Amino acid sequence: AAIRWRGWWTEYAESVKERFTISGDSAKNTVD
Protein backbone atom coordinates (compact mmCIF):
# COMPACT_ATOMS: atom_id res chain seq x y z
CA ALA A 1 0.00 0.00 0.00
CA ALA A 2 1.06 3.61 -0.51
CA ILE A 3 -0.21 7.11 0.05
CA ARG A 4 0.65 10.20 -1.96
CA TRP A 5 0.15 13.23 0.24
CA ARG A 6 -0.95 15.44 -2.64
CA GLY A 7 -4.64 14.73 -2.94
CA TRP A 8 -4.44 11.98 -0.32
CA TRP A 9 -4.19 9.45 -3.11
CA THR A 10 -3.89 5.84 -1.99
CA GLU A 11 -2.96 2.67 -3.81
CA TYR A 12 -3.25 -0.95 -2.75
CA ALA A 13 -2.10 -4.27 -4.03
CA GLU A 14 -4.99 -6.39 -5.26
CA SER A 15 -4.23 -8.95 -2.59
CA VAL A 16 -4.93 -6.49 0.25
CA LYS A 17 -7.70 -4.31 -1.16
CA GLU A 18 -10.75 -3.98 1.09
CA ARG A 19 -8.76 -5.45 3.98
CA PHE A 20 -5.90 -2.98 4.54
CA THR A 21 -6.12 0.79 4.98
CA ILE A 22 -3.18 3.17 4.82
CA SER A 23 -3.23 6.55 6.56
CA GLY A 24 -0.77 9.02 7.98
CA ASP A 25 0.38 12.55 8.68
CA SER A 26 2.44 14.25 5.99
CA ALA A 27 3.69 16.95 8.36
CA LYS A 28 5.11 14.34 10.72
CA ASN A 29 6.20 11.79 8.12
CA THR A 30 4.25 9.07 9.83
CA VAL A 31 2.19 6.34 8.21
CA ASP A 32 0.00 3.55 9.54
All heavy atoms as atom14 arrays in JSON, in Angstrom:
{
  "sequence": "AAIRWRGWWTEYAESVKERFTISGDSAKNTVD",
  "atom14_mask": [
    [1, 1, 1, 1, 1, 0, 0, 0, 0, 0, 0, 0, 0, 0],
    [1, 1, 1, 1, 1, 0, 0, 0, 0, 0, 0, 0, 0, 0],
    [1, 1, 1, 1, 1, 1, 1, 1, 0, 0, 0, 0, 0, 0],
    [1, 1, 1, 1, 1, 1, 1, 1, 1, 1, 1, 0, 0, 0],
    [1, 1, 1, 1, 1, 1, 1, 1, 1, 1, 1, 1, 1, 1],
    [1, 1, 1, 1, 1, 1, 1, 1, 1, 1, 1, 0, 0, 0],
    [1, 1, 1, 1, 0, 0, 0, 0, 0, 0, 0, 0, 0, 0],
    [1, 1, 1, 1, 1, 1, 1, 1, 1, 1, 1, 1, 1, 1],
    [1, 1, 1, 1, 1, 1, 1, 1, 1, 1, 1, 1, 1, 1],
    [1, 1, 1, 1, 1, 1, 1, 0, 0, 0, 0, 0, 0, 0],
    [1, 1, 1, 1, 1, 1, 1, 1, 1, 0, 0, 0, 0, 0],
    [1, 1, 1, 1, 1, 1, 1, 1, 1, 1, 1, 1, 0, 0],
    [1, 1, 1, 1, 1, 0, 0, 0, 0, 0, 0, 0, 0, 0],
    [1, 1, 1, 1, 1, 1, 1, 1, 1, 0, 0, 0, 0, 0],
    [1, 1, 1, 1, 1, 1, 0, 0, 0, 0, 0, 0, 0, 0],
    [1, 1, 1, 1, 1, 1, 1, 0, 0, 0, 0, 0, 0, 0],
    [1, 1, 1, 1, 1, 1, 1, 1, 1, 0, 0, 0, 0, 0],
    [1, 1, 1, 1, 1, 1, 1, 1, 1, 0, 0, 0, 0, 0],
    [1, 1, 1, 1, 1, 1, 1, 1, 1, 1, 1, 0, 0, 0],
    [1, 1, 1, 1, 1, 1, 1, 1, 1, 1, 1, 0, 0, 0],
    [1, 1, 1, 1, 1, 1, 1, 0, 0, 0, 0, 0, 0, 0],
    [1, 1, 1, 1, 1, 1, 1, 1, 0, 0, 0, 0, 0, 0],
    [1, 1, 1, 1, 1, 1, 0, 0, 0, 0, 0, 0, 0, 0],
    [1, 1, 1, 1, 0, 0, 0, 0, 0, 0, 0, 0, 0, 0],
    [1, 1, 1, 1, 1, 1, 1, 1, 0, 0, 0, 0, 0, 0],
    [1, 1, 1, 1, 1, 1, 0, 0, 0, 0, 0, 0, 0, 0],
    [1, 1, 1, 1, 1, 0, 0, 0, 0, 0, 0, 0, 0, 0],
    [1, 1, 1, 1, 1, 1, 1, 1, 1, 0, 0, 0, 0, 0],
    [1, 1, 1, 1, 1, 1, 1, 1, 0, 0, 0, 0, 0, 0],
    [1, 1, 1, 1, 1, 1, 1, 0, 0, 0, 0, 0, 0, 0],
    [1, 1, 1, 1, 1, 1, 1, 0, 0, 0, 0, 0, 0, 0],
    [1, 1, 1, 1, 1, 1, 1, 1, 0, 0, 0, 0, 0, 0]
  ],
  "atom14_positions": [
    [[0.84, -1.2, 0.0], [0.0, 0.0, 0.0], [0.87, 1.24, 0.0], [2.01, 1.21, 0.45], [-0.93, 0.01, 1.22], [0.0, 0.0, 0.0], [0.0, 0.0, 0.0], [0.0, 0.0, 0.0], [0.0, 0.0, 0.0], [0.0, 0.0, 0.0], [0.0, 0.0, 0.0], [0.0, 0.0, 0.0], [0.0, 0.0, 0.0], [0.0, 0.0, 0.0]],
    [[0.34, 2.34, -0.51], [1.06, 3.61, -0.51], [0.08, 4.77, -0.44], [-1.09, 4.64, -0.83], [1.94, 3.74, -1.75], [0.0, 0.0, 0.0], [0.0, 0.0, 0.0], [0.0, 0.0, 0.0], [0.0, 0.0, 0.0], [0.0, 0.0, 0.0], [0.0, 0.0, 0.0], [0.0, 0.0, 0.0], [0.0, 0.0, 0.0], [0.0, 0.0, 0.0]],
    [[0.58, 5.9, 0.02], [-0.21, 7.11, 0.05], [0.62, 8.26, -0.48], [1.76, 8.47, -0.07], [-0.73, 7.41, 1.48], [-1.61, 8.67, 1.48], [0.41, 7.54, 2.49], [-2.41, 8.84, 2.76], [0.0, 0.0, 0.0], [0.0, 0.0, 0.0], [0.0, 0.0, 0.0], [0.0, 0.0, 0.0], [0.0, 0.0, 0.0], [0.0, 0.0, 0.0]],
    [[0.06, 8.99, -1.45], [0.65, 10.2, -1.96], [-0.04, 11.36, -1.25], [-1.26, 11.47, -1.29], [0.45, 10.31, -3.48], [1.19, 11.49, -4.11], [0.85, 11.63, -5.59], [-0.51, 12.09, -5.76], [-1.06, 12.34, -6.94], [-0.37, 12.17, -8.05], [-2.32, 12.76, -7.01], [0.0, 0.0, 0.0], [0.0, 0.0, 0.0], [0.0, 0.0, 0.0]],
    [[0.76, 12.19, -0.57], [0.15, 13.23, 0.24], [-0.67, 14.22, -0.58], [-1.72, 14.67, -0.13], [1.24, 13.97, 1.02], [2.06, 13.09, 1.91], [3.41, 12.94, 1.91], [1.57, 12.2, 2.93], [3.8, 12.05, 2.86], [2.7, 11.57, 3.5], [0.3, 11.89, 3.42], [2.57, 10.63, 4.53], [0.19, 10.95, 4.44], [1.32, 10.34, 4.98]],
    [[-0.21, 14.54, -1.78], [-0.95, 15.44, -2.64], [-2.24, 14.76, -3.07], [-2.21, 13.76, -3.8], [-0.11, 15.84, -3.85], [-0.81, 16.77, -4.82], [0.14, 17.21, -5.92], [-0.5, 18.09, -6.89], [-1.11, 17.68, -7.98], [-1.15, 16.38, -8.28], [-1.67, 18.56, -8.8], [0.0, 0.0, 0.0], [0.0, 0.0, 0.0], [0.0, 0.0, 0.0]],
    [[-3.35, 15.29, -2.6], [-4.64, 14.73, -2.94], [-5.04, 13.53, -2.11], [-6.12, 12.96, -2.32], [0.0, 0.0, 0.0], [0.0, 0.0, 0.0], [0.0, 0.0, 0.0], [0.0, 0.0, 0.0], [0.0, 0.0, 0.0], [0.0, 0.0, 0.0], [0.0, 0.0, 0.0], [0.0, 0.0, 0.0], [0.0, 0.0, 0.0], [0.0, 0.0, 0.0]],
    [[-4.18, 13.14, -1.17], [-4.44, 11.98, -0.32], [-4.79, 10.77, -1.18], [-5.77, 10.04, -0.92], [-5.54, 12.3, 0.69], [-5.56, 11.41, 1.89], [-6.28, 10.27, 2.07], [-4.83, 11.59, 3.11], [-6.05, 9.74, 3.3], [-5.16, 10.53, 3.97], [-3.92, 12.56, 3.54], [-4.61, 10.4, 5.24], [-3.37, 12.42, 4.81], [-3.72, 11.37, 5.63]],
    [[-3.98, 10.55, -2.19], [-4.19, 9.45, -3.11], [-3.59, 8.17, -2.55], [-2.43, 8.15, -2.17], [-3.56, 9.78, -4.46], [-3.73, 8.72, -5.49], [-2.84, 7.74, -5.81], [-4.86, 8.52, -6.34], [-3.34, 6.95, -6.8], [-4.58, 7.4, -7.15], [-6.07, 9.18, -6.49], [-5.48, 6.92, -8.09], [-6.98, 8.71, -7.43], [-6.67, 7.59, -8.21]],
    [[-4.37, 7.12, -2.51], [-3.89, 5.84, -1.99], [-3.93, 4.76, -3.06], [-4.76, 4.79, -3.97], [-4.73, 5.38, -0.78], [-6.11, 5.27, -1.16], [-4.61, 6.38, 0.36], [0.0, 0.0, 0.0], [0.0, 0.0, 0.0], [0.0, 0.0, 0.0], [0.0, 0.0, 0.0], [0.0, 0.0, 0.0], [0.0, 0.0, 0.0], [0.0, 0.0, 0.0]],
    [[-3.01, 3.82, -2.93], [-2.96, 2.67, -3.81], [-2.78, 1.41, -2.98], [-2.13, 1.43, -1.94], [-1.79, 2.77, -4.8], [-1.88, 3.92, -5.77], [-0.77, 3.9, -6.79], [-0.46, 2.8, -7.31], [-0.21, 4.97, -7.08], [0.0, 0.0, 0.0], [0.0, 0.0, 0.0], [0.0, 0.0, 0.0], [0.0, 0.0, 0.0], [0.0, 0.0, 0.0]],
    [[-3.36, 0.32, -3.45], [-3.25, -0.95, -2.75], [-2.99, -2.08, -3.73], [-3.47, -2.07, -4.86], [-4.55, -1.26, -2.0], [-4.91, -0.27, -0.93], [-5.74, 0.8, -1.2], [-4.4, -0.41, 0.36], [-6.07, 1.72, -0.21], [-4.72, 0.49, 1.35], [-5.55, 1.56, 1.06], [-5.87, 2.46, 2.04], [0.0, 0.0, 0.0], [0.0, 0.0, 0.0]],
    [[-2.23, -3.05, -3.27], [-2.1, -4.27, -4.03], [-3.44, -4.98, -4.05], [-4.22, -4.89, -3.1], [-1.04, -5.18, -3.4], [0.0, 0.0, 0.0], [0.0, 0.0, 0.0], [0.0, 0.0, 0.0], [0.0, 0.0, 0.0], [0.0, 0.0, 0.0], [0.0, 0.0, 0.0], [0.0, 0.0, 0.0], [0.0, 0.0, 0.0], [0.0, 0.0, 0.0]],
    [[-3.73, -5.68, -5.15], [-4.99, -6.39, -5.26], [-5.2, -7.37, -4.12], [-6.33, -7.57, -3.66], [-5.07, -7.12, -6.6], [-5.27, -6.21, -7.8], [-6.62, -5.51, -7.76], [-7.61, -6.13, -7.33], [-6.68, -4.34, -8.18], [0.0, 0.0, 0.0], [0.0, 0.0, 0.0], [0.0, 0.0, 0.0], [0.0, 0.0, 0.0], [0.0, 0.0, 0.0]],
    [[-4.13, -7.95, -3.63], [-4.23, -8.95, -2.59], [-4.67, -8.4, -1.24], [-5.08, -9.17, -0.36], [-2.88, -9.67, -2.43], [-1.85, -8.75, -2.12], [0.0, 0.0, 0.0], [0.0, 0.0, 0.0], [0.0, 0.0, 0.0], [0.0, 0.0, 0.0], [0.0, 0.0, 0.0], [0.0, 0.0, 0.0], [0.0, 0.0, 0.0], [0.0, 0.0, 0.0]],
    [[-4.58, -7.08, -1.05], [-4.93, -6.49, 0.25], [-6.09, -5.52, 0.17], [-6.54, -5.02, 1.21], [-3.72, -5.8, 0.91], [-2.51, -6.72, 0.94], [-3.38, -4.5, 0.18], [0.0, 0.0, 0.0], [0.0, 0.0, 0.0], [0.0, 0.0, 0.0], [0.0, 0.0, 0.0], [0.0, 0.0, 0.0], [0.0, 0.0, 0.0], [0.0, 0.0, 0.0]],
    [[-6.59, -5.24, -1.02], [-7.7, -4.31, -1.16], [-8.9, -4.75, -0.33], [-9.21, -5.93, -0.23], [-8.11, -4.18, -2.63], [-7.2, -3.3, -3.46], [-7.74, -3.14, -4.87], [-6.88, -2.19, -5.68], [-7.39, -2.05, -7.07], [0.0, 0.0, 0.0], [0.0, 0.0, 0.0], [0.0, 0.0, 0.0], [0.0, 0.0, 0.0], [0.0, 0.0, 0.0]],
    [[-9.57, -3.79, 0.26], [-10.75, -3.98, 1.09], [-10.44, -4.63, 2.44], [-11.34, -4.86, 3.23], [-11.84, -4.78, 0.35], [-12.31, -4.08, -0.92], [-13.43, -4.82, -1.61], [-13.67, -6.01, -1.28], [-14.1, -4.22, -2.47], [0.0, 0.0, 0.0], [0.0, 0.0, 0.0], [0.0, 0.0, 0.0], [0.0, 0.0, 0.0], [0.0, 0.0, 0.0]],
    [[-9.17, -4.91, 2.69], [-8.76, -5.45, 3.98], [-7.79, -4.53, 4.71], [-7.82, -4.43, 5.93], [-8.13, -6.83, 3.83], [-9.06, -7.87, 3.25], [-8.46, -9.27, 3.33], [-7.22, -9.37, 2.57], [-6.04, -9.67, 3.1], [-5.93, -9.9, 4.4], [-4.96, -9.76, 2.33], [0.0, 0.0, 0.0], [0.0, 0.0, 0.0], [0.0, 0.0, 0.0]],
    [[-6.91, -3.87, 3.96], [-5.9, -2.98, 4.54], [-6.27, -1.53, 4.25], [-6.83, -1.21, 3.19], [-4.52, -3.24, 3.95], [-3.9, -4.57, 4.32], [-4.62, -5.56, 4.96], [-2.57, -4.8, 4.01], [-4.05, -6.77, 5.29], [-1.98, -6.01, 4.34], [-2.7, -7.0, 4.98], [0.0, 0.0, 0.0], [0.0, 0.0, 0.0], [0.0, 0.0, 0.0]],
    [[-5.91, -0.64, 5.17], [-6.12, 0.79, 4.98], [-4.87, 1.54, 5.4], [-4.38, 1.36, 6.52], [-7.31, 1.3, 5.8], [-8.5, 0.59, 5.43], [-7.53, 2.79, 5.54], [0.0, 0.0, 0.0], [0.0, 0.0, 0.0], [0.0, 0.0, 0.0], [0.0, 0.0, 0.0], [0.0, 0.0, 0.0], [0.0, 0.0, 0.0], [0.0, 0.0, 0.0]],
    [[-4.36, 2.37, 4.51], [-3.18, 3.17, 4.82], [-3.61, 4.59, 5.18], [-4.55, 5.14, 4.59], [-2.18, 3.19, 3.64], [-0.86, 3.85, 4.05], [-2.77, 3.87, 2.41], [0.26, 3.67, 3.02], [0.0, 0.0, 0.0], [0.0, 0.0, 0.0], [0.0, 0.0, 0.0], [0.0, 0.0, 0.0], [0.0, 0.0, 0.0], [0.0, 0.0, 0.0]],
    [[-2.95, 5.18, 6.15], [-3.23, 6.55, 6.56], [-1.95, 7.13, 7.15], [-0.98, 6.41, 7.38], [-4.37, 6.6, 7.58], [-4.04, 5.89, 8.76], [0.0, 0.0, 0.0], [0.0, 0.0, 0.0], [0.0, 0.0, 0.0], [0.0, 0.0, 0.0], [0.0, 0.0, 0.0], [0.0, 0.0, 0.0], [0.0, 0.0, 0.0], [0.0, 0.0, 0.0]],
    [[-1.95, 8.43, 7.41], [-0.77, 9.02, 7.98], [-0.87, 10.51, 8.15], [-1.95, 11.1, 8.03], [0.0, 0.0, 0.0], [0.0, 0.0, 0.0], [0.0, 0.0, 0.0], [0.0, 0.0, 0.0], [0.0, 0.0, 0.0], [0.0, 0.0, 0.0], [0.0, 0.0, 0.0], [0.0, 0.0, 0.0], [0.0, 0.0, 0.0], [0.0, 0.0, 0.0]],
    [[0.27, 11.12, 8.45], [0.38, 12.55, 8.68], [1.59, 13.04, 7.9], [2.73, 12.76, 8.27], [0.53, 12.82, 10.17], [0.49, 14.3, 10.5], [0.85, 15.13, 9.65], [0.1, 14.64, 11.64], [0.0, 0.0, 0.0], [0.0, 0.0, 0.0], [0.0, 0.0, 0.0], [0.0, 0.0, 0.0], [0.0, 0.0, 0.0], [0.0, 0.0, 0.0]],
    [[1.35, 13.78, 6.83], [2.44, 14.25, 5.99], [3.39, 15.19, 6.71], [4.6, 15.19, 6.45], [1.88, 14.93, 4.73], [1.12, 16.07, 5.08], [0.0, 0.0, 0.0], [0.0, 0.0, 0.0], [0.0, 0.0, 0.0], [0.0, 0.0, 0.0], [0.0, 0.0, 0.0], [0.0, 0.0, 0.0], [0.0, 0.0, 0.0], [0.0, 0.0, 0.0]],
    [[2.86, 15.99, 7.63], [3.69, 16.95, 8.36], [4.66, 16.24, 9.3], [5.74, 16.77, 9.59], [2.82, 17.92, 9.13], [0.0, 0.0, 0.0], [0.0, 0.0, 0.0], [0.0, 0.0, 0.0], [0.0, 0.0, 0.0], [0.0, 0.0, 0.0], [0.0, 0.0, 0.0], [0.0, 0.0, 0.0], [0.0, 0.0, 0.0], [0.0, 0.0, 0.0]],
    [[4.28, 15.08, 9.77], [5.11, 14.34, 10.72], [5.86, 13.18, 10.08], [6.64, 12.51, 10.76], [4.24, 13.82, 11.86], [3.57, 14.9, 12.68], [2.73, 14.3, 13.79], [2.06, 15.37, 14.62], [1.22, 14.79, 15.7], [0.0, 0.0, 0.0], [0.0, 0.0, 0.0], [0.0, 0.0, 0.0], [0.0, 0.0, 0.0], [0.0, 0.0, 0.0]],
    [[5.6, 12.94, 8.81], [6.2, 11.79, 8.12], [5.93, 10.5, 8.88], [6.85, 9.72, 9.17], [7.71, 11.99, 7.92], [8.03, 13.04, 6.88], [7.43, 13.06, 5.81], [8.98, 13.91, 7.2], [0.0, 0.0, 0.0], [0.0, 0.0, 0.0], [0.0, 0.0, 0.0], [0.0, 0.0, 0.0], [0.0, 0.0, 0.0], [0.0, 0.0, 0.0]],
    [[4.67, 10.31, 9.2], [4.25, 9.07, 9.83], [3.2, 8.4, 8.95], [2.45, 9.07, 8.25], [3.66, 9.3, 11.23], [2.52, 10.17, 11.14], [4.69, 9.92, 12.14], [0.0, 0.0, 0.0], [0.0, 0.0, 0.0], [0.0, 0.0, 0.0], [0.0, 0.0, 0.0], [0.0, 0.0, 0.0], [0.0, 0.0, 0.0], [0.0, 0.0, 0.0]],
    [[3.15, 7.09, 9.0], [2.19, 6.34, 8.21], [1.8, 5.08, 8.97], [2.64, 4.46, 9.63], [2.76, 6.01, 6.82], [3.98, 5.09, 6.92], [1.7, 5.41, 5.92], [0.0, 0.0, 0.0], [0.0, 0.0, 0.0], [0.0, 0.0, 0.0], [0.0, 0.0, 0.0], [0.0, 0.0, 0.0], [0.0, 0.0, 0.0], [0.0, 0.0, 0.0]],
    [[0.52, 4.74, 8.89], [0.0, 3.55, 9.54], [-0.6, 2.61, 8.51], [-0.98, 3.02, 7.41], [-1.1, 3.91, 10.55], [-0.59, 4.74, 11.71], [0.62, 4.74, 11.98], [-1.44, 5.4, 12.36], [0.0, 0.0, 0.0], [0.0, 0.0, 0.0], [0.0, 0.0, 0.0], [0.0, 0.0, 0.0], [0.0, 0.0, 0.0], [0.0, 0.0, 0.0]]
  ]
}
